[in-house]
Amino acid sequence: MFEALLQQTEAAAPALEPSAAAALAVGLAAFGAGYAERGIGAAAMGAIAEDNSLFVNGLILTVLPETLVILALVVVFLV
């Protein structure tokens, strides 16, 4: 009884095309990185203003969220 019902239904289509999903992933990753850099950049500039030796630490912490966008771009090229 259930086997006949399962055979009659068609497979569901994906909600997004793969290229649209990849573009959405890159856009959301870029938005998230920008949101994270907002607070990190302000804190890093404050720390550097007080102590110049913290420049490298501030630079690394500021650039770190951008790796999310780079990894999202890798996903785009894999799709």
PDB file of N, CA and C in Angstrom:
ATOM      1  N   MET A   1       0.832  -1.176   0.000  1.00  0.00           N
ATOM      2  CA  MET A   1       0.000   0.000   0.000  1.00  0.00           C
ATOM      3  C   MET A   1       0.884   1.248   0.000  1.00  0.00           C
ATOM      4  N   PHE A   2       1.825   1.332   0.948  1.00  0.00           N
ATOM      5  CA  PHE A   2       2.693   2.504   1.005  1.00  0.00           C
ATOM      6  C   PHE A   2       3.717   2.511  -0.125  1.00  0.00           C
ATOM      7  N   GLU A   3       4.085   1.330  -0.611  1.00  0.00           N
ATOM      8  CA  GLU A   3       5.056   1.261  -1.696  1.00  0.00           C
ATOM      9  C   GLU A   3       4.518   1.911  -2.962  1.00  0.00           C
ATOM     10  N   ALA A   4       3.253   1.725  -3.252  1.00  0.00           N
ATOM     11  CA  ALA A   4       2.652   2.342  -4.426  1.00  0.00           C
ATOM     12  C   ALA A   4       2.604   3.858  -4.281  1.00  0.00           C
ATOM     13  N   LEU A   5       2.342   4.320  -3.089  1.00  0.00           N
ATOM     14  CA  LEU A   5       2.302   5.765  -2.845  1.00  0.00           C
ATOM     15  C   LEU A   5       3.694   6.383  -2.989  1.00  0.00           C
ATOM     16  N   LEU A   6       4.706   5.701  -2.482  1.00  0.00           N
ATOM     17  CA  LEU A   6       6.068   6.214  -2.583  1.00  0.00           C
ATOM     18  C   LEU A   6       6.562   6.233  -4.016  1.00  0.00           C
ATOM     19  N   GLN A   7       6.141   5.291  -4.818  1.00  0.00           N
ATOM     20  CA  GLN A   7       6.586   5.243  -6.206  1.00  0.00           C
ATOM     21  C   GLN A   7       5.911   6.307  -7.056  1.00  0.00           C
ATOM     22  N   GLN A   8       4.761   6.793  -6.667  1.00  0.00           N
ATOM     23  CA  GLN A   8       4.033   7.771  -7.460  1.00  0.00           C
ATOM     24  C   GLN A   8       4.546   9.194  -7.233  1.00  0.00           C
ATOM     25  N   THR A   9       5.123   9.468  -6.099  1.00  0.00           N
ATOM     26  CA  THR A   9       5.575  10.835  -5.830  1.00  0.00           C
ATOM     27  C   THR A   9       6.872  11.100  -6.581  1.00  0.00           C
ATOM     28  N   GLU A  10       7.054  12.354  -6.978  1.00  0.00           N
ATOM     29  CA  GLU A  10       8.266  12.741  -7.676  1.00  0.00           C
ATOM     30  C   GLU A  10       9.282  13.276  -6.678  1.00  0.00           C
ATOM     31  N   ALA A  11      10.520  13.284  -7.084  1.00  0.00           N
ATOM     32  CA  ALA A  11      11.571  13.800  -6.221  1.00  0.00           C
ATOM     33  C   ALA A  11      11.440  15.321  -6.114  1.00  0.00           C
ATOM     34  N   ALA A  12      11.748  15.833  -4.961  1.00  0.00           N
ATOM     35  CA  ALA A  12      11.655  17.269  -4.736  1.00  0.00           C
ATOM     36  C   ALA A  12      12.831  17.982  -5.391  1.00  0.00           C
ATOM     37  N   ALA A  13      12.582  19.156  -5.924  1.00  0.00           N
ATOM     38  CA  ALA A  13      13.626  19.957  -6.536  1.00  0.00           C
ATOM     39  C   ALA A  13      14.335  20.775  -5.450  1.00  0.00           C
ATOM     40  N   PRO A  14      15.605  21.103  -5.669  1.00  0.00           N
ATOM     41  CA  PRO A  14      16.300  21.926  -4.673  1.00  0.00           C
ATOM     42  C   PRO A  14      15.704  23.322  -4.605  1.00  0.00           C
ATOM     43  N   ALA A  15      15.802  23.942  -3.449  1.00  0.00           N
ATOM     44  CA  ALA A  15      15.233  25.275  -3.259  1.00  0.00           C
ATOM     45  C   ALA A  15      16.010  26.330  -4.037  1.00  0.00           C
ATOM     46  N   LEU A  16      17.320  26.159  -4.161  1.00  0.00           N
ATOM     47  CA  LEU A  16      18.178  27.104  -4.877  1.00  0.00           C
ATOM     48  C   LEU A  16      19.041  26.346  -5.873  1.00  0.00           C
ATOM     49  N   GLU A  17      19.362  27.036  -6.958  1.00  0.00           N
ATOM     50  CA  GLU A  17      20.341  26.478  -7.888  1.00  0.00           C
ATOM     51  C   GLU A  17      21.714  26.498  -7.211  1.00  0.00           C
ATOM     52  N   PRO A  18      22.616  25.619  -7.605  1.00  0.00           N
ATOM     53  CA  PRO A  18      23.941  25.605  -6.952  1.00  0.00           C
ATOM     54  C   PRO A  18      24.696  26.921  -7.057  1.00  0.00           C
ATOM     55  N   SER A  19      24.605  27.601  -8.185  1.00  0.00           N
ATOM     56  CA  SER A  19      25.316  28.877  -8.313  1.00  0.00           C
ATOM     57  C   SER A  19      24.690  29.947  -7.423  1.00  0.00           C
ATOM     58  N   ALA A  20      23.376  29.933  -7.269  1.00  0.00           N
ATOM     59  CA  ALA A  20      22.717  30.900  -6.388  1.00  0.00           C
ATOM     60  C   ALA A  20      23.062  30.614  -4.930  1.00  0.00           C
ATOM     61  N   ALA A  21      23.142  29.358  -4.565  1.00  0.00           N
ATOM     62  CA  ALA A  21      23.508  28.999  -3.193  1.00  0.00           C
ATOM     63  C   ALA A  21      24.954  29.400  -2.899  1.00  0.00           C
ATOM     64  N   ALA A  22      25.830  29.236  -3.889  1.00  0.00           N
ATOM     65  CA  ALA A  22      27.225  29.638  -3.702  1.00  0.00           C
ATOM     66  C   ALA A  22      27.331  31.147  -3.556  1.00  0.00           C
ATOM     67  N   ALA A  23      26.581  31.888  -4.353  1.00  0.00           N
ATOM     68  CA  ALA A  23      26.600  33.347  -4.240  1.00  0.00           C
ATOM     69  C   ALA A  23      26.057  33.794  -2.889  1.00  0.00           C
ATOM     70  N   LEU A  24      25.033  33.144  -2.408  1.00  0.00           N
ATOM     71  CA  LEU A  24      24.486  33.459  -1.093  1.00  0.00           C
ATOM     72  C   LEU A  24      25.496  33.156   0.007  1.00  0.00           C
ATOM     73  N   ALA A  25      26.239  32.068  -0.140  1.00  0.00           N
ATOM     74  CA  ALA A  25      27.247  31.710   0.859  1.00  0.00           C
ATOM     75  C   ALA A  25      28.358  32.750   0.909  1.00  0.00           C
ATOM     76  N   VAL A  26      28.802  33.216  -0.247  1.00  0.00           N
ATOM     77  CA  VAL A  26      29.862  34.228  -0.268  1.00  0.00           C
ATOM     78  C   VAL A  26      29.344  35.540   0.309  1.00  0.00           C
ATOM     79  N   GLY A  27      28.137  35.921  -0.042  1.00  0.00           N
ATOM     80  CA  GLY A  27      27.571  37.166   0.463  1.00  0.00           C
ATOM     81  C   GLY A  27      27.402  37.152   1.971  1.00  0.00           C
ATOM     82  N   LEU A  28      26.904  36.053   2.497  1.00  0.00           N
ATOM     83  CA  LEU A  28      26.728  35.964   3.949  1.00  0.00           C
ATOM     84  C   LEU A  28      28.060  35.896   4.678  1.00  0.00           C
ATOM     85  N   ALA A  29      29.050  35.232   4.066  1.00  0.00           N
ATOM     86  CA  ALA A  29      30.374  35.181   4.683  1.00  0.00           C
ATOM     87  C   ALA A  29      31.011  36.566   4.702  1.00  0.00           C
ATOM     88  N   ALA A  30      30.843  37.319   3.623  1.00  0.00           N
ATOM     89  CA  ALA A  30      31.395  38.672   3.578  1.00  0.00           C
ATOM     90  C   ALA A  30      30.691  39.581   4.588  1.00  0.00           C
ATOM     91  N   PHE A  31      29.391  39.428   4.710  1.00  0.00           N
ATOM     92  CA  PHE A  31      28.649  40.216   5.694  1.00  0.00           C
ATOM     93  C   PHE A  31      29.108  39.884   7.112  1.00  0.00           C
ATOM     94  N   GLY A  32      29.274  38.609   7.400  1.00  0.00           N
ATOM     95  CA  GLY A  32      29.731  38.194   8.726  1.00  0.00           C
ATOM     96  C   GLY A  32      31.144  38.665   9.028  1.00  0.00           C
ATOM     97  N   ALA A  33      32.021  38.617   8.023  1.00  0.00           N
ATOM     98  CA  ALA A  33      33.390  39.089   8.225  1.00  0.00           C
ATOM     99  C   ALA A  33      33.410  40.590   8.476  1.00  0.00           C
ATOM    100  N   GLY A  34      32.622  41.330   7.739  1.00  0.00           N
ATOM    101  CA  GLY A  34      32.552  42.773   7.950  1.00  0.00           C
ATOM    102  C   GLY A  34      32.005  43.121   9.327  1.00  0.00           C
ATOM    103  N   TYR A  35      31.024  42.369   9.763  1.00  0.00           N
ATOM    104  CA  TYR A  35      30.441  42.593  11.091  1.00  0.00           C
ATOM    105  C   TYR A  35      31.471  42.301  12.187  1.00  0.00           C
ATOM    106  N   ALA A  36      32.261  41.245  11.998  1.00  0.00           N
ATOM    107  CA  ALA A  36      33.277  40.892  12.994  1.00  0.00           C
ATOM    108  C   ALA A  36      34.409  41.905  13.003  1.00  0.00           C
ATOM    109  N   GLU A  37      34.800  42.381  11.826  1.00  0.00           N
ATOM    110  CA  GLU A  37      35.908  43.326  11.742  1.00  0.00           C
ATOM    111  C   GLU A  37      35.553  44.683  12.346  1.00  0.00           C
ATOM    112  N   ARG A  38      34.287  44.994  12.397  1.00  0.00           N
ATOM    113  CA  ARG A  38      33.854  46.271  12.962  1.00  0.00           C
ATOM    114  C   ARG A  38      34.334  46.409  14.398  1.00  0.00           C
ATOM    115  N   GLY A  39      34.087  45.419  15.206  1.00  0.00           N
ATOM    116  CA  GLY A  39      34.498  45.475  16.609  1.00  0.00           C
ATOM    117  C   GLY A  39      35.978  45.219  16.803  1.00  0.00           C
ATOM    118  N   ILE A  40      36.514  44.299  16.012  1.00  0.00           N
ATOM    119  CA  ILE A  40      37.933  43.962  16.160  1.00  0.00           C
ATOM    120  C   ILE A  40      38.808  45.139  15.758  1.00  0.00           C
ATOM    121  N   GLY A  41      38.439  45.809  14.670  1.00  0.00           N
ATOM    122  CA  GLY A  41      39.239  46.939  14.203  1.00  0.00           C
ATOM    123  C   GLY A  41      39.255  48.078  15.200  1.00  0.00           C
ATOM    124  N   ALA A  42      38.116  48.364  15.799  1.00  0.00           N
ATOM    125  CA  ALA A  42      38.057  49.433  16.792  1.00  0.00           C
ATOM    126  C   ALA A  42      38.898  49.094  18.014  1.00  0.00           C
ATOM    127  N   ALA A  43      38.812  47.856  18.462  1.00  0.00           N
ATOM    128  CA  ALA A  43      39.601  47.454  19.626  1.00  0.00           C
ATOM    129  C   ALA A  43      41.092  47.435  19.308  1.00  0.00           C
ATOM    130  N   ALA A  44      41.445  47.008  18.112  1.00  0.00           N
ATOM    131  CA  ALA A  44      42.854  46.960  17.715  1.00  0.00           C
ATOM    132  C   ALA A  44      43.434  48.367  17.618  1.00  0.00           C
ATOM    133  N   MET A  45      42.684  49.302  17.063  1.00  0.00           N
ATOM    134  CA  MET A  45      43.187  50.678  16.966  1.00  0.00           C
ATOM    135  C   MET A  45      43.356  51.303  18.348  1.00  0.00           C
ATOM    136  N   GLY A  46      42.456  50.987  19.256  1.00  0.00           N
ATOM    137  CA  GLY A  46      42.599  51.479  20.623  1.00  0.00           C
ATOM    138  C   GLY A  46      43.827  50.903  21.308  1.00  0.00           C
ATOM    139  N   ALA A  47      44.084  49.621  21.079  1.00  0.00           N
ATOM    140  CA  ALA A  47      45.243  48.982  21.695  1.00  0.00           C
ATOM    141  C   ALA A  47      46.536  49.520  21.099  1.00  0.00           C
ATOM    142  N   ILE A  48      46.548  49.746  19.788  1.00  0.00           N
ATOM    143  CA  ILE A  48      47.749  50.266  19.131  1.00  0.00           C
ATOM    144  C   ILE A  48      48.025  51.706  19.567  1.00  0.00           C
ATOM    145  N   ALA A  49      46.974  52.475  19.809  1.00  0.00           N
ATOM    146  CA  ALA A  49      47.161  53.848  20.267  1.00  0.00           C
ATOM    147  C   ALA A  49      47.838  53.886  21.626  1.00  0.00           C
ATOM    148  N   GLU A  50      47.597  52.880  22.452  1.00  0.00           N
ATOM    149  CA  GLU A  50      48.214  52.846  23.771  1.00  0.00           C
ATOM    150  C   GLU A  50      49.602  52.215  23.753  1.00  0.00           C
ATOM    151  N   ASP A  51      49.779  51.188  22.881  1.00  0.00           N
ATOM    152  CA  ASP A  51      51.059  50.467  22.855  1.00  0.00           C
ATOM    153  C   ASP A  51      51.351  50.056  21.418  1.00  0.00           C
ATOM    154  N   ASN A  52      52.395  50.660  20.824  1.00  0.00           N
ATOM    155  CA  ASN A  52      52.721  50.383  19.424  1.00  0.00           C
ATOM    156  C   ASN A  52      53.186  48.951  19.176  1.00  0.00           C
ATOM    157  N   SER A  53      53.613  48.261  20.194  1.00  0.00           N
ATOM    158  CA  SER A  53      54.091  46.888  20.000  1.00  0.00           C
ATOM    159  C   SER A  53      52.941  45.915  19.718  1.00  0.00           C
ATOM    160  N   LEU A  54      51.705  46.338  19.884  1.00  0.00           N
ATOM    161  CA  LEU A  54      50.547  45.477  19.619  1.00  0.00           C
ATOM    162  C   LEU A  54      50.059  45.558  18.168  1.00  0.00           C
ATOM    163  N   PHE A  55      50.850  46.225  17.304  1.00  0.00           N
ATOM    164  CA  PHE A  55      50.433  46.392  15.915  1.00  0.00           C
ATOM    165  C   PHE A  55      50.259  45.051  15.208  1.00  0.00           C
ATOM    166  N   VAL A  56      51.212  44.155  15.360  1.00  0.00           N
ATOM    167  CA  VAL A  56      51.151  42.863  14.663  1.00  0.00           C
ATOM    168  C   VAL A  56      49.966  42.049  15.160  1.00  0.00           C
ATOM    169  N   ASN A  57      49.739  42.036  16.449  1.00  0.00           N
ATOM    170  CA  ASN A  57      48.587  41.305  17.001  1.00  0.00           C
ATOM    171  C   ASN A  57      47.278  41.887  16.482  1.00  0.00           C
ATOM    172  N   GLY A  58      47.188  43.206  16.467  1.00  0.00           N
ATOM    173  CA  GLY A  58      45.980  43.844  15.959  1.00  0.00           C
ATOM    174  C   GLY A  58      45.759  43.566  14.488  1.00  0.00           C
ATOM    175  N   LEU A  59      46.839  43.568  13.711  1.00  0.00           N
ATOM    176  CA  LEU A  59      46.726  43.285  12.281  1.00  0.00           C
ATOM    177  C   LEU A  59      46.256  41.853  12.033  1.00  0.00           C
ATOM    178  N   ILE A  60      46.811  40.915  12.753  1.00  0.00           N
ATOM    179  CA  ILE A  60      46.417  39.513  12.588  1.00  0.00           C
ATOM    180  C   ILE A  60      44.958  39.319  12.977  1.00  0.00           C
ATOM    181  N   LEU A  61      44.547  39.897  14.082  1.00  0.00           N
ATOM    182  CA  LEU A  61      43.162  39.740  14.523  1.00  0.00           C
ATOM    183  C   LEU A  61      42.179  40.452  13.601  1.00  0.00           C
ATOM    184  N   THR A  62      42.630  41.525  12.945  1.00  0.00           N
ATOM    185  CA  THR A  62      41.760  42.234  12.015  1.00  0.00           C
ATOM    186  C   THR A  62      41.601  41.457  10.712  1.00  0.00           C
ATOM    187  N   VAL A  63      42.643  40.810  10.275  1.00  0.00           N
ATOM    188  CA  VAL A  63      42.604  40.079   9.004  1.00  0.00           C
ATOM    189  C   VAL A  63      41.967  38.697   9.164  1.00  0.00           C
ATOM    190  N   LEU A  64      41.951  38.161  10.345  1.00  0.00           N
ATOM    191  CA  LEU A  64      41.453  36.806  10.582  1.00  0.00           C
ATOM    192  C   LEU A  64      40.029  36.555  10.078  1.00  0.00           C
ATOM    193  N   PRO A  65      39.069  37.454  10.281  1.00  0.00           N
ATOM    194  CA  PRO A  65      37.721  37.178   9.761  1.00  0.00           C
ATOM    195  C   PRO A  65      37.643  37.117   8.231  1.00  0.00           C
ATOM    196  N   GLU A  66      38.599  37.724   7.540  1.00  0.00           N
ATOM    197  CA  GLU A  66      38.582  37.667   6.079  1.00  0.00           C
ATOM    198  C   GLU A  66      38.826  36.249   5.556  1.00  0.00           C
ATOM    199  N   THR A  67      39.393  35.385   6.391  1.00  0.00           N
ATOM    200  CA  THR A  67      39.589  34.003   5.939  1.00  0.00           C
ATOM    201  C   THR A  67      38.246  33.316   5.690  1.00  0.00           C
ATOM    202  N   LEU A  68      37.191  33.784   6.344  1.00  0.00           N
ATOM    203  CA  LEU A  68      35.853  33.237   6.082  1.00  0.00           C
ATOM    204  C   LEU A  68      35.440  33.481   4.639  1.00  0.00           C
ATOM    205  N   VAL A  69      35.736  34.663   4.141  1.00  0.00           N
ATOM    206  CA  VAL A  69      35.379  34.993   2.760  1.00  0.00           C
ATOM    207  C   VAL A  69      36.230  34.180   1.798  1.00  0.00           C
ATOM    208  N   ILE A  70      37.496  33.998   2.107  1.00  0.00           N
ATOM    209  CA  ILE A  70      38.365  33.195   1.244  1.00  0.00           C
ATOM    210  C   ILE A  70      37.867  31.754   1.194  1.00  0.00           C
ATOM    211  N   LEU A  71      37.477  31.201   2.343  1.00  0.00           N
ATOM    212  CA  LEU A  71      36.955  29.835   2.344  1.00  0.00           C
ATOM    213  C   LEU A  71      35.619  29.746   1.600  1.00  0.00           C
ATOM    214  N   ALA A  72      34.804  30.792   1.670  1.00  0.00           N
ATOM    215  CA  ALA A  72      33.552  30.802   0.910  1.00  0.00           C
ATOM    216  C   ALA A  72      33.838  30.832  -0.590  1.00  0.00           C
ATOM    217  N   LEU A  73      34.857  31.559  -1.003  1.00  0.00           N
ATOM    218  CA  LEU A  73      35.221  31.571  -2.412  1.00  0.00           C
ATOM    219  C   LEU A  73      35.724  30.211  -2.874  1.00  0.00           C
ATOM    220  N   VAL A  74      36.409  29.502  -1.993  1.00  0.00           N
ATOM    221  CA  VAL A  74      36.822  28.136  -2.328  1.00  0.00           C
ATOM    222  C   VAL A  74      35.610  27.254  -2.575  1.00  0.00           C
ATOM    223  N   VAL A  75      34.583  27.436  -1.765  1.00  0.00           N
ATOM    224  CA  VAL A  75      33.340  26.668  -1.953  1.00  0.00           C
ATOM    225  C   VAL A  75      32.715  26.984  -3.300  1.00  0.00           C
ATOM    226  N   VAL A  76      32.764  28.253  -3.710  1.00  0.00           N
ATOM    227  CA  VAL A  76      32.185  28.635  -5.005  1.00  0.00           C
ATOM    228  C   VAL A  76      32.890  27.901  -6.133  1.00  0.00           C
ATOM    229  N   PHE A  77      34.203  27.819  -6.068  1.00  0.00           N
ATOM    230  CA  PHE A  77      34.924  27.151  -7.147  1.00  0.00           C
ATOM    231  C   PHE A  77      34.778  25.630  -7.093  1.00  0.00           C
ATOM    232  N   LEU A  78      34.402  25.083  -5.953  1.00  0.00           N
ATOM    233  CA  LEU A  78      34.181  23.646  -5.868  1.00  0.00           C
ATOM    234  C   LEU A  78      32.800  23.247  -6.368  1.00  0.00           C
ATOM    235  N   VAL A  79      31.859  24.173  -6.322  1.00  0.00           N
ATOM    236  CA  VAL A  79      30.480  23.866  -6.761  1.00  0.00           C
ATOM    237  C   VAL A  79      30.367  23.896  -8.212  1.00  0.00           C
TER     238      VAL A  79
END
